[in-house]
Protein backbone atom coordinates (compact mmCIF):
# COMPACT_ATOMS: atom_id res chain seq x y z
CA MET A 1 1.49 6.31 5.63
CA HIS A 2 5.00 7.61 6.09
CA GLU A 3 8.09 5.84 4.80
CA LEU A 4 10.00 3.93 7.43
CA ASP A 5 13.75 4.31 7.70
CA ILE A 6 14.91 0.75 7.08
CA GLN A 7 18.32 0.29 5.52
CA VAL A 8 19.62 -2.68 3.56
CA ARG A 9 23.35 -3.16 3.06
CA VAL A 10 24.82 -5.84 0.82
CA LYS A 11 28.31 -7.33 0.58
CA THR A 12 29.07 -9.95 -2.06
CA ARG A 13 31.91 -12.35 -2.68
CA HIS A 14 32.81 -14.92 -5.27
CA LEU A 15 32.94 -18.54 -4.04
CA PRO A 16 35.22 -20.41 -6.45
CA GLU A 17 35.50 -23.33 -4.04
CA HIS A 18 31.72 -23.79 -4.05
CA LEU A 19 31.57 -25.47 -7.47
CA PRO A 20 33.83 -28.02 -9.21
CA SER A 21 36.82 -26.38 -10.90
CA ASP A 22 35.53 -27.50 -14.30
CA SER A 23 32.10 -26.00 -13.70
CA ALA A 24 30.87 -23.49 -16.26
CA GLN A 25 28.96 -21.62 -13.56
CA PHE A 26 29.95 -19.04 -10.96
CA ALA A 27 28.81 -19.09 -7.33
CA PHE A 28 28.47 -15.99 -5.18
CA ALA A 29 27.57 -15.32 -1.58
CA TYR A 30 25.73 -12.19 -0.55
CA HIS A 31 25.67 -10.98 3.02
CA ILE A 32 22.77 -8.71 3.87
CA THR A 33 22.25 -6.47 6.85
CA ILE A 34 18.75 -5.06 7.40
CA GLU A 35 18.68 -2.24 9.91
CA ASN A 36 15.48 -0.79 11.35
CA LYS A 37 16.18 2.88 12.04
CA SER A 38 12.49 3.72 12.39
CA ASP A 39 10.44 3.93 15.57
CA GLU A 40 8.15 1.05 14.54
CA THR A 41 8.54 -2.71 14.82
CA VAL A 42 8.41 -4.46 11.44
CA GLN A 43 8.60 -8.05 10.23
CA LEU A 44 10.12 -9.38 7.03
CA ILE A 45 7.41 -11.56 5.44
CA ASN A 46 8.54 -12.36 1.88
CA ARG A 47 11.47 -11.83 -0.45
CA TYR A 48 11.76 -11.33 -4.20
CA TRP A 49 15.00 -11.38 -6.21
CA ARG A 50 15.72 -10.91 -9.89
CA ILE A 51 19.13 -12.31 -10.78
CA THR A 52 20.57 -11.39 -14.19
CA ASP A 53 23.78 -12.69 -15.73
CA ALA A 54 25.93 -10.99 -18.39
CA ASN A 55 23.97 -12.75 -21.15
CA GLU A 56 20.75 -11.12 -19.85
CA LYS A 57 19.52 -14.51 -18.63
CA THR A 58 17.21 -13.74 -15.74
CA SER A 59 15.95 -15.90 -12.93
CA GLU A 60 13.50 -14.94 -10.24
CA VAL A 61 13.41 -16.14 -6.67
CA GLU A 62 10.54 -15.43 -4.33
CA GLY A 63 9.18 -16.92 -1.19
CA ALA A 64 8.55 -16.58 2.49
CA GLY A 65 11.20 -14.92 4.60
CA VAL A 66 14.96 -15.25 4.23
CA VAL A 67 17.07 -18.29 5.16
CA GLY A 68 13.98 -19.91 6.66
CA LYS A 69 13.23 -17.00 8.98
CA GLN A 70 10.75 -14.15 9.06
CA PRO A 71 12.67 -11.85 11.39
CA ILE A 72 10.95 -9.24 13.53
CA LEU A 73 12.94 -6.03 13.82
CA LYS A 74 12.20 -3.68 16.69
CA PRO A 75 13.41 -0.08 16.48
CA ASN A 76 17.22 0.08 16.18
CA GLU A 77 17.50 -3.69 15.74
CA SER A 78 19.21 -5.29 12.78
CA PHE A 79 19.19 -8.72 11.17
CA GLU A 80 22.00 -10.22 9.13
CA TYR A 81 22.12 -13.28 6.93
CA THR A 82 24.15 -14.79 4.14
CA SER A 83 22.74 -16.56 1.12
CA GLY A 84 23.99 -17.38 -2.34
CA ALA A 85 23.36 -17.34 -6.06
CA VAL A 86 24.82 -19.29 -8.98
CA ILE A 87 24.97 -17.72 -12.45
CA ASP A 88 26.38 -18.74 -15.85
CA THR A 89 28.72 -15.78 -16.33
CA PRO A 90 31.51 -14.28 -14.16
CA VAL A 91 29.56 -11.02 -13.84
CA GLY A 92 25.91 -10.41 -13.09
CA ASN A 93 23.62 -8.49 -10.79
CA MET A 94 20.73 -8.87 -8.40
CA GLN A 95 17.92 -6.63 -7.27
CA GLY A 96 14.63 -7.09 -5.56
CA TYR A 97 12.61 -6.24 -2.51
CA TYR A 98 11.46 -7.49 0.84
CA GLU A 99 7.79 -7.45 1.69
CA MET A 100 7.60 -6.07 5.21
CA GLU A 101 4.69 -5.85 7.63
CA ARG A 102 4.02 -3.16 10.20
CA GLU A 103 2.50 -3.89 13.59
CA ASN A 104 -0.91 -2.75 12.30
CA GLY A 105 -0.79 -5.46 9.61
CA GLU A 106 -0.11 -3.05 6.77
CA ARG A 107 2.42 -4.44 4.27
CA PHE A 108 4.90 -2.50 2.19
CA LYS A 109 7.79 -3.22 -0.16
CA LEU A 110 11.34 -2.44 0.88
CA PRO A 111 13.29 -2.12 -2.38
CA ILE A 112 16.83 -3.47 -2.66
CA ASP A 113 18.95 -1.59 -5.16
CA VAL A 114 20.84 -3.43 -7.87
CA PHE A 115 24.09 -4.92 -6.65
CA ARG A 116 26.83 -6.57 -8.65
CA LEU A 117 28.00 -10.14 -8.59
CA ALA A 118 31.50 -10.28 -10.05
CA VAL A 119 34.52 -12.54 -9.99
CA PRO A 120 37.39 -10.41 -8.56
CA HIS A 121 39.75 -8.82 -11.08
CA ILE A 122 37.53 -9.72 -14.03
CA LEU A 123 36.59 -6.07 -14.54
CA HIS A 124 39.60 -3.91 -15.22
């Protein structure tokens, strides 16, 4: 089995308006682009996230698909979606993987590197 060239890009932003101003938590949006640069059609089946705040409090999220979809990506197609996370500190990070399926039914994990969740200007 050869590795498929599938790229995942992440952009994050803080959503201060998402929670009451007196909330002790911090809400973030993450926008993900999954790009299939391989010559095979693949489908995103499941997702797994590990979300860690600055106090090392970790939560895990897993389940079918993303935003209620299990997108099929043909060669050179991409899929974008936005989701969110709420943590107890102004800085944290996320990492995880997507479980993908090839046309022959074989499944593989597509790792997503650690990315930062941070309130702007909190890190100098």
